[in-house]
Amino acid sequence: MTLKRLFDLAIALPAALILALPIALVALAVRLTSPGPALYWSDRVGRHSRIFRMPKFRSMRIDTPAVATHLLENPAQWLTPIGPFLRKSSLDELPQLWSILRGDMSFVGPRPALFNQDDLIALRTEAGVHELVPGLTGWAQVNGRDEIPIPQKVALDAEYLRRQSLAFDLRILWLTAVKVLRSDGVSH
């Protein structure tokens, strides 16, 4: 087991216990404000381009097309009543603790692509980024999140591949906390 995996488990296990009540409350809020399940499971591309199922709290209606949000003509029309709040606060990401505990994800790495984001997947494969375990947050997220174009995201992911270390991960986690508290970089 790598140091990175041990770090993930050492943080994810207590976080899951501490956040159990808030997670239950968010799940209840999702269920009470829109029809459908509290969780949305999406097929994502993981390490070595392997597909895995990643949970998020559902911030969009159940009839939303399964594409990246930026590809929707009017993303706001698909949001649930509490969807904007879940996204701006990043509370929709809490169920990904499950993916971290399973080993499908890490706290830090490139954000996992949707199974149908062929352009992103191809560029990441070309840059060797597909060898990394995807993350809850990453270098691209703290440098623009939804606001930067795919080639720039991949360049930042490739930079993370070259620079990865526990110290760099801690820096990214710190920057993520600051960004989340400010709701920086969330476009919908």
C-alpha atoms as a PDB file:
ATOM      1  CA  MET A   1       0.000   0.000   0.000  1.00  0.00           C
ATOM      2  CA  THR A   2       1.393   3.386  -0.995  1.00  0.00           C
ATOM      3  CA  LEU A   3       1.809   6.391   1.259  1.00  0.00           C
ATOM      4  CA  LYS A   4      -0.819   8.217  -0.814  1.00  0.00           C
ATOM      5  CA  ARG A   5      -3.340   5.393  -0.273  1.00  0.00           C
ATOM      6  CA  LEU A   6      -2.608   5.317   3.463  1.00  0.00           C
ATOM      7  CA  PHE A   7      -3.091   9.092   3.595  1.00  0.00           C
ATOM      8  CA  ASP A   8      -6.432   8.773   1.765  1.00  0.00           C
ATOM      9  CA  LEU A   9      -7.678   6.101   4.182  1.00  0.00           C
ATOM     10  CA  ALA A  10      -6.426   8.001   7.248  1.00  0.00           C
ATOM     11  CA  ILE A  11      -8.480  11.039   6.186  1.00  0.00           C
ATOM     12  CA  ALA A  12     -11.495   9.343   4.537  1.00  0.00           C
ATOM     13  CA  LEU A  13     -12.400   7.004   7.405  1.00  0.00           C
ATOM     14  CA  PRO A  14     -12.702   9.682  10.106  1.00  0.00           C
ATOM     15  CA  ALA A  15     -14.246  12.125   7.601  1.00  0.00           C
ATOM     16  CA  ALA A  16     -16.963   9.587   6.747  1.00  0.00           C
ATOM     17  CA  LEU A  17     -17.763   9.167  10.442  1.00  0.00           C
ATOM     18  CA  ILE A  18     -17.708  12.891  11.225  1.00  0.00           C
ATOM     19  CA  LEU A  19     -19.749  13.770   8.143  1.00  0.00           C
ATOM     20  CA  ALA A  20     -22.309  10.945   8.480  1.00  0.00           C
ATOM     21  CA  LEU A  21     -25.013  13.239   9.881  1.00  0.00           C
ATOM     22  CA  PRO A  22     -24.468  16.084   7.382  1.00  0.00           C
ATOM     23  CA  ILE A  23     -24.440  13.501   4.563  1.00  0.00           C
ATOM     24  CA  ALA A  24     -27.766  12.088   5.805  1.00  0.00           C
ATOM     25  CA  LEU A  25     -29.239  15.598   6.032  1.00  0.00           C
ATOM     26  CA  VAL A  26     -28.152  16.521   2.497  1.00  0.00           C
ATOM     27  CA  ALA A  27     -29.575  13.220   1.195  1.00  0.00           C
ATOM     28  CA  LEU A  28     -32.879  14.006   2.896  1.00  0.00           C
ATOM     29  CA  ALA A  29     -32.899  17.540   1.474  1.00  0.00           C
ATOM     30  CA  VAL A  30     -32.326  16.219  -2.061  1.00  0.00           C
ATOM     31  CA  ARG A  31     -35.151  13.704  -1.691  1.00  0.00           C
ATOM     32  CA  LEU A  32     -37.563  16.290  -0.271  1.00  0.00           C
ATOM     33  CA  THR A  33     -36.926  18.928  -2.944  1.00  0.00           C
ATOM     34  CA  SER A  34     -37.053  16.861  -6.145  1.00  0.00           C
ATOM     35  CA  PRO A  35     -38.303  13.498  -7.367  1.00  0.00           C
ATOM     36  CA  GLY A  36     -35.759  10.702  -7.728  1.00  0.00           C
ATOM     37  CA  PRO A  37     -32.936   9.236  -5.678  1.00  0.00           C
ATOM     38  CA  ALA A  38     -30.605  11.320  -3.494  1.00  0.00           C
ATOM     39  CA  LEU A  39     -27.527   9.961  -5.260  1.00  0.00           C
ATOM     40  CA  TYR A  40     -26.600  10.100  -8.893  1.00  0.00           C
ATOM     41  CA  TRP A  41     -24.156   7.385  -9.960  1.00  0.00           C
ATOM     42  CA  SER A  42     -22.193   8.291 -13.060  1.00  0.00           C
ATOM     43  CA  ASP A  43     -19.828   6.194 -15.099  1.00  0.00           C
ATOM     44  CA  ARG A  44     -16.394   7.786 -14.818  1.00  0.00           C
ATOM     45  CA  VAL A  45     -12.960   7.036 -16.204  1.00  0.00           C
ATOM     46  CA  GLY A  46     -10.485   5.961 -13.546  1.00  0.00           C
ATOM     47  CA  ARG A  47      -6.886   4.865 -13.427  1.00  0.00           C
ATOM     48  CA  HIS A  48      -5.709   3.057 -16.571  1.00  0.00           C
ATOM     49  CA  SER A  49      -8.928   4.274 -18.277  1.00  0.00           C
ATOM     50  CA  ARG A  50     -11.024   1.795 -16.273  1.00  0.00           C
ATOM     51  CA  ILE A  51     -14.698   2.750 -15.877  1.00  0.00           C
ATOM     52  CA  PHE A  52     -16.053   2.987 -12.328  1.00  0.00           C
ATOM     53  CA  ARG A  53     -19.318   4.238 -10.808  1.00  0.00           C
ATOM     54  CA  MET A  54     -18.932   7.517  -8.919  1.00  0.00           C
ATOM     55  CA  PRO A  55     -21.660   8.836  -6.593  1.00  0.00           C
ATOM     56  CA  LYS A  56     -22.643  12.468  -6.170  1.00  0.00           C
ATOM     57  CA  PHE A  57     -25.624  14.044  -4.525  1.00  0.00           C
ATOM     58  CA  ARG A  58     -28.093  14.685  -7.300  1.00  0.00           C
ATOM     59  CA  SER A  59     -28.090  18.390  -8.146  1.00  0.00           C
ATOM     60  CA  MET A  60     -29.838  17.973 -11.486  1.00  0.00           C
ATOM     61  CA  ARG A  61     -33.213  16.616 -12.518  1.00  0.00           C
ATOM     62  CA  ILE A  62     -33.484  12.883 -13.247  1.00  0.00           C
ATOM     63  CA  ASP A  63     -34.210  13.547 -16.957  1.00  0.00           C
ATOM     64  CA  THR A  64     -30.976  15.498 -17.524  1.00  0.00           C
ATOM     65  CA  PRO A  65     -28.887  14.202 -20.468  1.00  0.00           C
ATOM     66  CA  ALA A  66     -25.757  12.283 -19.399  1.00  0.00           C
ATOM     67  CA  VAL A  67     -23.201  14.780 -20.696  1.00  0.00           C
ATOM     68  CA  ALA A  68     -20.758  17.180 -19.083  1.00  0.00           C
ATOM     69  CA  THR A  69     -22.635  20.171 -17.696  1.00  0.00           C
ATOM     70  CA  HIS A  70     -20.779  22.615 -19.944  1.00  0.00           C
ATOM     71  CA  LEU A  71     -22.226  20.791 -22.989  1.00  0.00           C
ATOM     72  CA  LEU A  72     -25.831  21.452 -21.964  1.00  0.00           C
ATOM     73  CA  GLU A  73     -27.443  24.334 -23.832  1.00  0.00           C
ATOM     74  CA  ASN A  74     -28.912  25.852 -20.658  1.00  0.00           C
ATOM     75  CA  PRO A  75     -27.530  24.035 -17.582  1.00  0.00           C
ATOM     76  CA  ALA A  76     -29.621  26.075 -15.134  1.00  0.00           C
ATOM     77  CA  GLN A  77     -32.866  24.651 -16.515  1.00  0.00           C
ATOM     78  CA  TRP A  78     -31.798  21.163 -15.395  1.00  0.00           C
ATOM     79  CA  LEU A  79     -30.874  22.043 -11.795  1.00  0.00           C
ATOM     80  CA  THR A  80     -32.993  20.901  -8.865  1.00  0.00           C
ATOM     81  CA  PRO A  81     -34.211  23.534  -6.388  1.00  0.00           C
ATOM     82  CA  ILE A  82     -31.167  22.958  -4.149  1.00  0.00           C
ATOM     83  CA  GLY A  83     -28.800  22.056  -6.999  1.00  0.00           C
ATOM     84  CA  PRO A  84     -27.105  25.463  -7.228  1.00  0.00           C
ATOM     85  CA  PHE A  85     -26.408  25.447  -3.474  1.00  0.00           C
ATOM     86  CA  LEU A  86     -25.054  21.879  -3.572  1.00  0.00           C
ATOM     87  CA  ARG A  87     -22.704  22.760  -6.417  1.00  0.00           C
ATOM     88  CA  LYS A  88     -21.488  26.111  -5.063  1.00  0.00           C
ATOM     89  CA  SER A  89     -20.840  24.582  -1.624  1.00  0.00           C
ATOM     90  CA  SER A  90     -19.385  21.370  -3.176  1.00  0.00           C
ATOM     91  CA  LEU A  91     -21.681  19.352  -0.886  1.00  0.00           C
ATOM     92  CA  ASP A  92     -22.683  17.326  -3.950  1.00  0.00           C
ATOM     93  CA  GLU A  93     -19.178  15.811  -3.831  1.00  0.00           C
ATOM     94  CA  LEU A  94     -19.448  14.319  -0.301  1.00  0.00           C
ATOM     95  CA  PRO A  95     -20.555  10.822  -1.467  1.00  0.00           C
ATOM     96  CA  GLN A  96     -17.224  10.524  -3.277  1.00  0.00           C
ATOM     97  CA  LEU A  97     -15.751   9.577   0.099  1.00  0.00           C
ATOM     98  CA  TRP A  98     -17.145   6.144  -0.827  1.00  0.00           C
ATOM     99  CA  SER A  99     -15.045   6.106  -4.004  1.00  0.00           C
ATOM    100  CA  ILE A 100     -11.966   7.124  -2.018  1.00  0.00           C
ATOM    101  CA  LEU A 101     -12.545   4.359   0.536  1.00  0.00           C
ATOM    102  CA  ARG A 102     -12.946   1.824  -2.300  1.00  0.00           C
ATOM    103  CA  GLY A 103      -9.721   3.008  -3.943  1.00  0.00           C
ATOM    104  CA  ASP A 104     -11.404   4.177  -7.158  1.00  0.00           C
ATOM    105  CA  MET A 105     -10.435   7.743  -6.278  1.00  0.00           C
ATOM    106  CA  SER A 106      -7.952   9.655  -4.152  1.00  0.00           C
ATOM    107  CA  PHE A 107      -8.351  12.983  -2.399  1.00  0.00           C
ATOM    108  CA  VAL A 108      -6.018  14.575  -4.958  1.00  0.00           C
ATOM    109  CA  GLY A 109      -5.647  13.737  -8.633  1.00  0.00           C
ATOM    110  CA  PRO A 110      -7.236  14.709 -11.941  1.00  0.00           C
ATOM    111  CA  ARG A 111     -11.028  14.920 -11.705  1.00  0.00           C
ATOM    112  CA  PRO A 112     -12.508  11.738 -13.206  1.00  0.00           C
ATOM    113  CA  ALA A 113     -13.826  12.262 -16.725  1.00  0.00           C
ATOM    114  CA  LEU A 114     -17.308  11.201 -17.730  1.00  0.00           C
ATOM    115  CA  PHE A 115     -17.238   8.013 -19.799  1.00  0.00           C
ATOM    116  CA  ASN A 116     -18.289   9.997 -22.893  1.00  0.00           C
ATOM    117  CA  GLN A 117     -15.802  12.898 -22.665  1.00  0.00           C
ATOM    118  CA  ASP A 118     -13.766  11.466 -25.520  1.00  0.00           C
ATOM    119  CA  ASP A 119     -11.737  14.655 -26.103  1.00  0.00           C
ATOM    120  CA  LEU A 120     -10.637  14.855 -22.460  1.00  0.00           C
ATOM    121  CA  ILE A 121      -9.917  11.118 -22.244  1.00  0.00           C
ATOM    122  CA  ALA A 122      -7.824  11.162 -25.446  1.00  0.00           C
ATOM    123  CA  LEU A 123      -5.741  14.158 -24.332  1.00  0.00           C
ATOM    124  CA  ARG A 124      -5.167  12.661 -20.873  1.00  0.00           C
ATOM    125  CA  THR A 125      -4.086   9.336 -22.392  1.00  0.00           C
ATOM    126  CA  GLU A 126      -1.675  11.146 -24.709  1.00  0.00           C
ATOM    127  CA  ALA A 127      -0.191  12.995 -21.705  1.00  0.00           C
ATOM    128  CA  GLY A 128       0.026   9.862 -19.519  1.00  0.00           C
ATOM    129  CA  VAL A 129      -2.475  11.286 -17.010  1.00  0.00           C
ATOM    130  CA  HIS A 130      -4.674   8.184 -17.360  1.00  0.00           C
ATOM    131  CA  GLU A 131      -2.099   6.386 -15.168  1.00  0.00           C
ATOM    132  CA  LEU A 132      -3.150   8.459 -12.134  1.00  0.00           C
ATOM    133  CA  VAL A 133      -5.920   7.661  -9.682  1.00  0.00           C
ATOM    134  CA  PRO A 134      -8.540  10.381 -10.181  1.00  0.00           C
ATOM    135  CA  GLY A 135      -9.177  12.792  -7.338  1.00  0.00           C
ATOM    136  CA  LEU A 136     -11.881  14.575  -5.425  1.00  0.00           C
ATOM    137  CA  THR A 137      -9.849  17.680  -6.183  1.00  0.00           C
ATOM    138  CA  GLY A 138      -6.802  18.385  -8.262  1.00  0.00           C
ATOM    139  CA  TRP A 139      -4.341  20.913  -9.579  1.00  0.00           C
ATOM    140  CA  ALA A 140      -6.714  21.871 -12.414  1.00  0.00           C
ATOM    141  CA  GLN A 141      -9.567  22.419  -9.937  1.00  0.00           C
ATOM    142  CA  VAL A 142      -7.616  24.924  -7.864  1.00  0.00           C
ATOM    143  CA  ASN A 143      -6.508  26.686 -11.038  1.00  0.00           C
ATOM    144  CA  GLY A 144      -9.913  27.259 -12.599  1.00  0.00           C
ATOM    145  CA  ARG A 145     -12.280  24.321 -12.068  1.00  0.00           C
ATOM    146  CA  ASP A 146     -15.177  24.737 -14.578  1.00  0.00           C
ATOM    147  CA  GLU A 147     -13.760  27.897 -16.104  1.00  0.00           C
ATOM    148  CA  ILE A 148     -10.751  26.558 -18.019  1.00  0.00           C
ATOM    149  CA  PRO A 149     -10.739  24.803 -21.409  1.00  0.00           C
ATOM    150  CA  ILE A 150      -9.990  21.084 -21.653  1.00  0.00           C
ATOM    151  CA  PRO A 151      -6.454  21.416 -23.130  1.00  0.00           C
ATOM    152  CA  GLN A 152      -5.477  23.676 -20.218  1.00  0.00           C
ATOM    153  CA  LYS A 153      -7.000  21.208 -17.710  1.00  0.00           C
ATOM    154  CA  VAL A 154      -4.953  18.399 -19.239  1.00  0.00           C
ATOM    155  CA  ALA A 155      -1.797  20.529 -19.121  1.00  0.00           C
ATOM    156  CA  LEU A 156      -2.416  21.137 -15.401  1.00  0.00           C
ATOM    157  CA  ASP A 157      -3.144  17.421 -14.864  1.00  0.00           C
ATOM    158  CA  ALA A 158       0.140  16.578 -16.624  1.00  0.00           C
ATOM    159  CA  GLU A 159       1.934  19.084 -14.393  1.00  0.00           C
ATOM    160  CA  TYR A 160       0.436  17.305 -11.376  1.00  0.00           C
ATOM    161  CA  LEU A 161       1.694  13.977 -12.772  1.00  0.00           C
ATOM    162  CA  ARG A 162       5.242  15.393 -12.880  1.00  0.00           C
ATOM    163  CA  ARG A 163       5.110  17.157  -9.502  1.00  0.00           C
ATOM    164  CA  GLN A 164       3.048  14.746  -7.399  1.00  0.00           C
ATOM    165  CA  SER A 165       4.120  14.388  -3.782  1.00  0.00           C
ATOM    166  CA  LEU A 166       2.501  14.420  -0.365  1.00  0.00           C
ATOM    167  CA  ALA A 167       3.549  18.059   0.110  1.00  0.00           C
ATOM    168  CA  PHE A 168       1.987  19.035  -3.242  1.00  0.00           C
ATOM    169  CA  ASP A 169      -1.204  17.129  -2.343  1.00  0.00           C
ATOM    170  CA  LEU A 170      -1.415  18.998   0.967  1.00  0.00           C
ATOM    171  CA  ARG A 171      -0.992  22.310  -0.866  1.00  0.00           C
ATOM    172  CA  ILE A 172      -3.780  21.376  -3.290  1.00  0.00           C
ATOM    173  CA  LEU A 173      -6.060  20.333  -0.422  1.00  0.00           C
ATOM    174  CA  TRP A 174      -5.434  23.670   1.312  1.00  0.00           C
ATOM    175  CA  LEU A 175      -6.124  25.630  -1.887  1.00  0.00           C
ATOM    176  CA  THR A 176      -9.271  23.547  -2.436  1.00  0.00           C
ATOM    177  CA  ALA A 177     -10.594  24.409   1.023  1.00  0.00           C
ATOM    178  CA  VAL A 178     -10.050  28.107   0.277  1.00  0.00           C
ATOM    179  CA  LYS A 179     -11.745  27.826  -3.144  1.00  0.00           C
ATOM    180  CA  VAL A 180     -14.731  25.921  -1.725  1.00  0.00           C
ATOM    181  CA  LEU A 181     -15.231  28.464   1.052  1.00  0.00           C
ATOM    182  CA  ARG A 182     -15.213  31.247  -1.581  1.00  0.00           C
ATOM    183  CA  SER A 183     -17.239  29.227  -4.171  1.00  0.00           C
ATOM    184  CA  ASP A 184     -14.522  30.119  -6.700  1.00  0.00           C
ATOM    185  CA  GLY A 185     -14.592  28.573 -10.151  1.00  0.00           C
ATOM    186  CA  VAL A 186     -18.150  27.182 -10.124  1.00  0.00           C
ATOM    187  CA  SER A 187     -19.895  28.241 -13.306  1.00  0.00           C
ATOM    188  CA  HIS A 188     -23.233  26.406 -12.773  1.00  0.00           C
END
